[in-house]
Protein backbone atom coordinates (compact mmCIF):
# COMPACT_ATOMS: atom_id res chain seq x y z
CA UNK A 1 0.00 0.00 0.00
CA UNK A 2 1.30 3.43 -0.94
CA UNK A 3 -0.09 6.74 0.32
CA UNK A 4 0.62 10.14 -1.20
CA UNK A 5 -0.41 13.71 -0.45
CA UNK A 6 -0.96 15.81 -3.56
CA UNK A 7 -1.71 19.52 -3.71
CA UNK A 8 -2.90 20.03 -7.28
CA UNK A 9 -4.57 18.37 -10.25
CA UNK A 10 -1.15 18.27 -11.92
CA UNK A 11 0.29 16.25 -9.04
CA UNK A 12 -2.72 13.93 -9.22
CA UNK A 13 -2.12 13.43 -12.95
CA UNK A 14 1.56 12.74 -12.30
CA UNK A 15 0.62 10.06 -9.79
CA UNK A 16 -1.76 8.53 -12.36
CA UNK A 17 1.14 8.35 -14.82
CA UNK A 18 3.32 6.73 -12.15
CA UNK A 19 0.61 4.10 -11.51
CA UNK A 20 0.46 3.31 -15.25
CA UNK A 21 4.22 2.81 -15.31
CA UNK A 22 3.95 0.47 -12.30
CA UNK A 23 1.34 -1.62 -14.10
CA UNK A 24 3.36 -1.80 -17.30
CA UNK A 25 6.51 -2.79 -15.39
CA UNK A 26 4.63 -5.44 -13.39
CA UNK A 27 3.51 -7.14 -16.60
CA UNK A 28 -0.08 -7.45 -15.34
CA UNK A 29 -2.43 -7.65 -18.28
CA UNK A 30 -5.26 -7.08 -18.58
CA UNK A 31 -5.13 -4.35 -16.00
CA UNK A 32 -7.94 -2.69 -14.09
CA UNK A 33 -7.60 0.43 -11.94
CA UNK A 34 -10.53 0.95 -9.57
CA UNK A 35 -10.96 4.61 -8.55
CA UNK A 36 -12.83 5.59 -5.39
CA UNK A 37 -13.55 9.10 -4.19
CA UNK A 38 -16.16 11.78 -3.74
CA UNK A 39 -17.37 14.09 -6.48
CA UNK A 40 -14.51 16.43 -7.39
CA UNK A 41 -11.87 14.37 -5.60
CA UNK A 42 -9.66 14.03 -8.68
CA UNK A 43 -10.59 10.68 -10.24
CA UNK A 44 -10.62 12.04 -13.78
CA UNK A 45 -7.32 13.88 -13.22
CA UNK A 46 -5.77 10.57 -12.09
CA UNK A 47 -7.22 8.89 -15.21
CA UNK A 48 -5.72 11.64 -17.42
CA UNK A 49 -2.28 10.93 -16.00
CA UNK A 50 -2.79 7.20 -16.42
CA UNK A 51 -3.80 7.71 -20.06
CA UNK A 52 -0.73 9.86 -20.73
CA UNK A 53 1.32 6.64 -20.45
CA UNK A 54 -1.12 4.01 -21.75
CA UNK A 55 -2.57 6.09 -24.60
CA UNK A 56 -0.26 9.09 -25.19
CA UNK A 57 -1.88 12.14 -26.75
CA UNK A 58 -5.44 11.13 -25.87
CA UNK A 59 -7.77 13.88 -24.65
CA UNK A 60 -9.29 12.38 -21.53
CA UNK A 61 -12.60 13.60 -20.18
CA UNK A 62 -15.07 12.09 -17.76
CA UNK A 63 -17.26 9.42 -19.38
CA UNK A 64 -20.20 10.23 -17.07
CA UNK A 65 -22.83 10.28 -19.80
CA UNK A 66 -21.31 7.65 -22.09
CA UNK A 67 -20.28 5.14 -19.36
CA UNK A 68 -17.06 4.30 -21.24
CA UNK A 69 -14.59 6.25 -23.37
CA UNK A 70 -12.14 4.37 -25.57
CA UNK A 71 -8.59 5.55 -26.20
CA UNK A 72 -6.57 3.71 -28.85
CA UNK A 73 -3.39 5.74 -29.28
CA UNK A 74 -1.13 3.27 -27.46
CA UNK A 75 -0.04 -0.24 -28.33
CA UNK A 76 -2.93 -1.60 -26.22
CA UNK A 77 -6.33 0.14 -26.00
CA UNK A 78 -7.43 1.90 -22.83
CA UNK A 79 -11.02 2.03 -21.61
CA UNK A 80 -12.13 4.68 -19.12
CA UNK A 81 -15.36 3.83 -17.31
CA UNK A 82 -17.65 5.87 -15.11
CA UNK A 83 -19.99 3.67 -13.08
CA UNK A 84 -21.85 6.56 -11.42
CA UNK A 85 -25.01 5.93 -13.45
CA UNK A 86 -24.77 2.12 -13.36
CA UNK A 87 -27.49 0.60 -11.20
CA UNK A 88 -26.88 -3.12 -11.70
CA UNK A 89 -24.27 -5.59 -12.87
CA UNK A 90 -26.64 -6.53 -15.69
CA UNK A 91 -26.15 -3.05 -17.13
CA UNK A 92 -22.42 -3.74 -17.30
CA UNK A 93 -23.10 -6.96 -19.18
CA UNK A 94 -25.16 -4.92 -21.63
CA UNK A 95 -22.19 -2.73 -22.57
CA UNK A 96 -19.82 -5.69 -22.94
CA UNK A 97 -17.80 -5.03 -19.79
CA UNK A 98 -16.12 -8.46 -19.82
CA UNK A 99 -14.95 -7.93 -23.41
CA UNK A 100 -13.40 -4.59 -22.50
CA UNK A 101 -11.55 -6.25 -19.61
CA UNK A 102 -10.06 -8.85 -21.92
CA UNK A 103 -9.03 -6.37 -24.61
CA UNK A 104 -7.07 -3.65 -22.84
CA UNK A 105 -6.18 -1.49 -19.90
CA UNK A 106 -9.22 -0.34 -17.93
CA UNK A 107 -9.61 2.45 -15.43
CA UNK A 108 -12.95 3.08 -13.77
CA UNK A 109 -14.45 5.83 -11.65
CA UNK A 110 -17.09 5.20 -8.96
CA UNK A 111 -16.11 1.58 -8.36
CA UNK A 112 -18.20 1.67 -5.20
CA UNK A 113 -20.95 0.49 -7.56
CA UNK A 114 -19.10 -2.79 -8.22
CA UNK A 115 -18.98 -3.86 -4.59
CA UNK A 116 -17.21 -7.22 -4.37
CA UNK A 117 -17.24 -7.67 -8.15
CA UNK A 118 -13.88 -6.06 -8.89
CA UNK A 119 -11.78 -7.90 -11.47
CA UNK A 120 -8.99 -10.06 -10.03
CA UNK A 121 -6.31 -7.83 -11.54
CA UNK A 122 -7.65 -4.65 -9.87
CA UNK A 123 -5.41 -1.98 -8.42
CA UNK A 124 -7.43 0.15 -6.00
CA UNK A 125 -6.92 3.92 -5.82
CA UNK A 126 -8.71 5.83 -3.06
CA UNK A 127 -8.74 9.61 -3.30
CA UNK A 128 -9.76 11.49 -0.17
CA UNK A 129 -10.20 15.26 -0.07
CA UNK A 130 -8.22 16.71 2.79
CA UNK A 131 -9.22 20.30 1.92
CA UNK A 132 -9.93 22.37 -1.21
CA UNK A 133 -6.55 21.59 -2.81
CA UNK A 134 -4.98 18.68 -0.91
CA UNK A 135 -5.80 15.06 -1.52
CA UNK A 136 -4.61 11.86 0.12
CA UNK A 137 -4.26 9.20 -2.55
CA UNK A 138 -3.85 5.61 -1.43
CA UNK A 139 -2.85 2.97 -3.95
CA UNK A 140 -3.42 -0.64 -3.04
CA UNK A 141 -2.19 -3.12 -5.60
CA UNK A 142 -3.60 -6.59 -6.03
CA UNK A 143 -0.79 -8.29 -4.11
CA UNK A 144 -1.34 -5.93 -1.14
CA UNK A 145 -5.00 -6.94 -1.06
CA UNK A 146 -4.12 -10.65 -1.23
CA UNK A 147 -1.56 -10.27 1.58
CA UNK A 148 -4.05 -8.33 3.71
CA UNK A 149 -6.78 -10.95 3.24
CA UNK A 150 -4.37 -13.78 4.12
CA UNK A 151 -3.31 -11.98 7.31
CA UNK A 152 -6.91 -11.81 8.59
C-alpha atoms as a PDB file:
ATOM      1  CA  UNK A   1       0.000   0.000   0.000  1.00  0.00           C
ATOM      2  CA  UNK A   2       1.304   3.429  -0.942  1.00  0.00           C
ATOM      3  CA  UNK A   3      -0.095   6.744   0.324  1.00  0.00           C
ATOM      4  CA  UNK A   4       0.620  10.142  -1.198  1.00  0.00           C
ATOM      5  CA  UNK A   5      -0.412  13.711  -0.451  1.00  0.00           C
ATOM      6  CA  UNK A   6      -0.963  15.811  -3.557  1.00  0.00           C
ATOM      7  CA  UNK A   7      -1.706  19.522  -3.707  1.00  0.00           C
ATOM      8  CA  UNK A   8      -2.901  20.028  -7.281  1.00  0.00           C
ATOM      9  CA  UNK A   9      -4.566  18.373 -10.250  1.00  0.00           C
ATOM     10  CA  UNK A  10      -1.149  18.275 -11.925  1.00  0.00           C
ATOM     11  CA  UNK A  11       0.293  16.249  -9.042  1.00  0.00           C
ATOM     12  CA  UNK A  12      -2.720  13.926  -9.220  1.00  0.00           C
ATOM     13  CA  UNK A  13      -2.117  13.429 -12.955  1.00  0.00           C
ATOM     14  CA  UNK A  14       1.558  12.745 -12.296  1.00  0.00           C
ATOM     15  CA  UNK A  15       0.623  10.061  -9.787  1.00  0.00           C
ATOM     16  CA  UNK A  16      -1.756   8.527 -12.359  1.00  0.00           C
ATOM     17  CA  UNK A  17       1.145   8.346 -14.824  1.00  0.00           C
ATOM     18  CA  UNK A  18       3.315   6.725 -12.149  1.00  0.00           C
ATOM     19  CA  UNK A  19       0.608   4.103 -11.512  1.00  0.00           C
ATOM     20  CA  UNK A  20       0.461   3.311 -15.254  1.00  0.00           C
ATOM     21  CA  UNK A  21       4.221   2.811 -15.306  1.00  0.00           C
ATOM     22  CA  UNK A  22       3.947   0.468 -12.298  1.00  0.00           C
ATOM     23  CA  UNK A  23       1.342  -1.616 -14.101  1.00  0.00           C
ATOM     24  CA  UNK A  24       3.360  -1.801 -17.300  1.00  0.00           C
ATOM     25  CA  UNK A  25       6.515  -2.786 -15.392  1.00  0.00           C
ATOM     26  CA  UNK A  26       4.627  -5.441 -13.395  1.00  0.00           C
ATOM     27  CA  UNK A  27       3.507  -7.144 -16.602  1.00  0.00           C
ATOM     28  CA  UNK A  28      -0.077  -7.451 -15.340  1.00  0.00           C
ATOM     29  CA  UNK A  29      -2.430  -7.647 -18.283  1.00  0.00           C
ATOM     30  CA  UNK A  30      -5.265  -7.083 -18.577  1.00  0.00           C
ATOM     31  CA  UNK A  31      -5.134  -4.351 -16.002  1.00  0.00           C
ATOM     32  CA  UNK A  32      -7.940  -2.692 -14.087  1.00  0.00           C
ATOM     33  CA  UNK A  33      -7.601   0.429 -11.940  1.00  0.00           C
ATOM     34  CA  UNK A  34     -10.531   0.953  -9.571  1.00  0.00           C
ATOM     35  CA  UNK A  35     -10.958   4.607  -8.553  1.00  0.00           C
ATOM     36  CA  UNK A  36     -12.831   5.587  -5.391  1.00  0.00           C
ATOM     37  CA  UNK A  37     -13.550   9.095  -4.186  1.00  0.00           C
ATOM     38  CA  UNK A  38     -16.164  11.783  -3.738  1.00  0.00           C
ATOM     39  CA  UNK A  39     -17.369  14.092  -6.476  1.00  0.00           C
ATOM     40  CA  UNK A  40     -14.512  16.431  -7.393  1.00  0.00           C
ATOM     41  CA  UNK A  41     -11.868  14.374  -5.603  1.00  0.00           C
ATOM     42  CA  UNK A  42      -9.659  14.026  -8.682  1.00  0.00           C
ATOM     43  CA  UNK A  43     -10.592  10.682 -10.236  1.00  0.00           C
ATOM     44  CA  UNK A  44     -10.622  12.040 -13.785  1.00  0.00           C
ATOM     45  CA  UNK A  45      -7.316  13.876 -13.219  1.00  0.00           C
ATOM     46  CA  UNK A  46      -5.773  10.575 -12.093  1.00  0.00           C
ATOM     47  CA  UNK A  47      -7.223   8.890 -15.211  1.00  0.00           C
ATOM     48  CA  UNK A  48      -5.719  11.640 -17.424  1.00  0.00           C
ATOM     49  CA  UNK A  49      -2.281  10.929 -16.004  1.00  0.00           C
ATOM     50  CA  UNK A  50      -2.786   7.196 -16.421  1.00  0.00           C
ATOM     51  CA  UNK A  51      -3.799   7.712 -20.055  1.00  0.00           C
ATOM     52  CA  UNK A  52      -0.728   9.858 -20.726  1.00  0.00           C
ATOM     53  CA  UNK A  53       1.325   6.640 -20.453  1.00  0.00           C
ATOM     54  CA  UNK A  54      -1.118   4.012 -21.746  1.00  0.00           C
ATOM     55  CA  UNK A  55      -2.566   6.093 -24.605  1.00  0.00           C
ATOM     56  CA  UNK A  56      -0.256   9.089 -25.192  1.00  0.00           C
ATOM     57  CA  UNK A  57      -1.881  12.140 -26.755  1.00  0.00           C
ATOM     58  CA  UNK A  58      -5.445  11.127 -25.872  1.00  0.00           C
ATOM     59  CA  UNK A  59      -7.769  13.877 -24.653  1.00  0.00           C
ATOM     60  CA  UNK A  60      -9.294  12.378 -21.531  1.00  0.00           C
ATOM     61  CA  UNK A  61     -12.604  13.598 -20.179  1.00  0.00           C
ATOM     62  CA  UNK A  62     -15.068  12.090 -17.756  1.00  0.00           C
ATOM     63  CA  UNK A  63     -17.262   9.422 -19.377  1.00  0.00           C
ATOM     64  CA  UNK A  64     -20.197  10.225 -17.067  1.00  0.00           C
ATOM     65  CA  UNK A  65     -22.835  10.284 -19.802  1.00  0.00           C
ATOM     66  CA  UNK A  66     -21.310   7.646 -22.089  1.00  0.00           C
ATOM     67  CA  UNK A  67     -20.278   5.142 -19.363  1.00  0.00           C
ATOM     68  CA  UNK A  68     -17.060   4.300 -21.243  1.00  0.00           C
ATOM     69  CA  UNK A  69     -14.585   6.252 -23.371  1.00  0.00           C
ATOM     70  CA  UNK A  70     -12.145   4.370 -25.569  1.00  0.00           C
ATOM     71  CA  UNK A  71      -8.587   5.549 -26.197  1.00  0.00           C
ATOM     72  CA  UNK A  72      -6.571   3.714 -28.847  1.00  0.00           C
ATOM     73  CA  UNK A  73      -3.388   5.736 -29.281  1.00  0.00           C
ATOM     74  CA  UNK A  74      -1.134   3.267 -27.463  1.00  0.00           C
ATOM     75  CA  UNK A  75      -0.039  -0.243 -28.327  1.00  0.00           C
ATOM     76  CA  UNK A  76      -2.929  -1.597 -26.225  1.00  0.00           C
ATOM     77  CA  UNK A  77      -6.328   0.140 -26.001  1.00  0.00           C
ATOM     78  CA  UNK A  78      -7.430   1.900 -22.830  1.00  0.00           C
ATOM     79  CA  UNK A  79     -11.022   2.027 -21.614  1.00  0.00           C
ATOM     80  CA  UNK A  80     -12.133   4.680 -19.122  1.00  0.00           C
ATOM     81  CA  UNK A  81     -15.361   3.826 -17.308  1.00  0.00           C
ATOM     82  CA  UNK A  82     -17.649   5.873 -15.105  1.00  0.00           C
ATOM     83  CA  UNK A  83     -19.991   3.671 -13.077  1.00  0.00           C
ATOM     84  CA  UNK A  84     -21.850   6.561 -11.421  1.00  0.00           C
ATOM     85  CA  UNK A  85     -25.007   5.927 -13.455  1.00  0.00           C
ATOM     86  CA  UNK A  86     -24.766   2.116 -13.359  1.00  0.00           C
ATOM     87  CA  UNK A  87     -27.489   0.602 -11.202  1.00  0.00           C
ATOM     88  CA  UNK A  88     -26.875  -3.125 -11.705  1.00  0.00           C
ATOM     89  CA  UNK A  89     -24.267  -5.587 -12.872  1.00  0.00           C
ATOM     90  CA  UNK A  90     -26.642  -6.531 -15.687  1.00  0.00           C
ATOM     91  CA  UNK A  91     -26.152  -3.046 -17.132  1.00  0.00           C
ATOM     92  CA  UNK A  92     -22.421  -3.745 -17.299  1.00  0.00           C
ATOM     93  CA  UNK A  93     -23.102  -6.961 -19.179  1.00  0.00           C
ATOM     94  CA  UNK A  94     -25.163  -4.916 -21.626  1.00  0.00           C
ATOM     95  CA  UNK A  95     -22.190  -2.727 -22.575  1.00  0.00           C
ATOM     96  CA  UNK A  96     -19.821  -5.694 -22.940  1.00  0.00           C
ATOM     97  CA  UNK A  97     -17.801  -5.034 -19.795  1.00  0.00           C
ATOM     98  CA  UNK A  98     -16.117  -8.463 -19.823  1.00  0.00           C
ATOM     99  CA  UNK A  99     -14.948  -7.933 -23.409  1.00  0.00           C
ATOM    100  CA  UNK A 100     -13.396  -4.591 -22.497  1.00  0.00           C
ATOM    101  CA  UNK A 101     -11.553  -6.252 -19.606  1.00  0.00           C
ATOM    102  CA  UNK A 102     -10.061  -8.852 -21.921  1.00  0.00           C
ATOM    103  CA  UNK A 103      -9.034  -6.370 -24.613  1.00  0.00           C
ATOM    104  CA  UNK A 104      -7.069  -3.651 -22.844  1.00  0.00           C
ATOM    105  CA  UNK A 105      -6.181  -1.488 -19.900  1.00  0.00           C
ATOM    106  CA  UNK A 106      -9.224  -0.343 -17.932  1.00  0.00           C
ATOM    107  CA  UNK A 107      -9.605   2.455 -15.434  1.00  0.00           C
ATOM    108  CA  UNK A 108     -12.947   3.079 -13.766  1.00  0.00           C
ATOM    109  CA  UNK A 109     -14.453   5.829 -11.646  1.00  0.00           C
ATOM    110  CA  UNK A 110     -17.093   5.200  -8.960  1.00  0.00           C
ATOM    111  CA  UNK A 111     -16.105   1.581  -8.363  1.00  0.00           C
ATOM    112  CA  UNK A 112     -18.201   1.673  -5.203  1.00  0.00           C
ATOM    113  CA  UNK A 113     -20.953   0.495  -7.561  1.00  0.00           C
ATOM    114  CA  UNK A 114     -19.103  -2.785  -8.217  1.00  0.00           C
ATOM    115  CA  UNK A 115     -18.978  -3.861  -4.591  1.00  0.00           C
ATOM    116  CA  UNK A 116     -17.213  -7.218  -4.366  1.00  0.00           C
ATOM    117  CA  UNK A 117     -17.240  -7.667  -8.154  1.00  0.00           C
ATOM    118  CA  UNK A 118     -13.884  -6.057  -8.894  1.00  0.00           C
ATOM    119  CA  UNK A 119     -11.780  -7.903 -11.467  1.00  0.00           C
ATOM    120  CA  UNK A 120      -8.994 -10.059 -10.027  1.00  0.00           C
ATOM    121  CA  UNK A 121      -6.312  -7.835 -11.536  1.00  0.00           C
ATOM    122  CA  UNK A 122      -7.649  -4.653  -9.871  1.00  0.00           C
ATOM    123  CA  UNK A 123      -5.405  -1.977  -8.415  1.00  0.00           C
ATOM    124  CA  UNK A 124      -7.426   0.146  -5.997  1.00  0.00           C
ATOM    125  CA  UNK A 125      -6.924   3.915  -5.817  1.00  0.00           C
ATOM    126  CA  UNK A 126      -8.711   5.833  -3.059  1.00  0.00           C
ATOM    127  CA  UNK A 127      -8.742   9.612  -3.299  1.00  0.00           C
ATOM    128  CA  UNK A 128      -9.762  11.494  -0.175  1.00  0.00           C
ATOM    129  CA  UNK A 129     -10.200  15.264  -0.065  1.00  0.00           C
ATOM    130  CA  UNK A 130      -8.217  16.713   2.790  1.00  0.00           C
ATOM    131  CA  UNK A 131      -9.215  20.296   1.918  1.00  0.00           C
ATOM    132  CA  UNK A 132      -9.928  22.366  -1.209  1.00  0.00           C
ATOM    133  CA  UNK A 133      -6.546  21.591  -2.807  1.00  0.00           C
ATOM    134  CA  UNK A 134      -4.976  18.682  -0.910  1.00  0.00           C
ATOM    135  CA  UNK A 135      -5.804  15.055  -1.517  1.00  0.00           C
ATOM    136  CA  UNK A 136      -4.613  11.862   0.121  1.00  0.00           C
ATOM    137  CA  UNK A 137      -4.255   9.204  -2.551  1.00  0.00           C
ATOM    138  CA  UNK A 138      -3.852   5.615  -1.428  1.00  0.00           C
ATOM    139  CA  UNK A 139      -2.850   2.971  -3.951  1.00  0.00           C
ATOM    140  CA  UNK A 140      -3.424  -0.644  -3.036  1.00  0.00           C
ATOM    141  CA  UNK A 141      -2.190  -3.122  -5.600  1.00  0.00           C
ATOM    142  CA  UNK A 142      -3.600  -6.593  -6.034  1.00  0.00           C
ATOM    143  CA  UNK A 143      -0.789  -8.287  -4.107  1.00  0.00           C
ATOM    144  CA  UNK A 144      -1.343  -5.934  -1.142  1.00  0.00           C
ATOM    145  CA  UNK A 145      -4.998  -6.939  -1.062  1.00  0.00           C
ATOM    146  CA  UNK A 146      -4.120 -10.654  -1.227  1.00  0.00           C
ATOM    147  CA  UNK A 147      -1.559 -10.274   1.577  1.00  0.00           C
ATOM    148  CA  UNK A 148      -4.053  -8.329   3.711  1.00  0.00           C
ATOM    149  CA  UNK A 149      -6.775 -10.953   3.237  1.00  0.00           C
ATOM    150  CA  UNK A 150      -4.370 -13.782   4.119  1.00  0.00           C
ATOM    151  CA  UNK A 151      -3.306 -11.975   7.305  1.00  0.00           C
ATOM    152  CA  UNK A 152      -6.907 -11.814   8.587  1.00  0.00           C
END
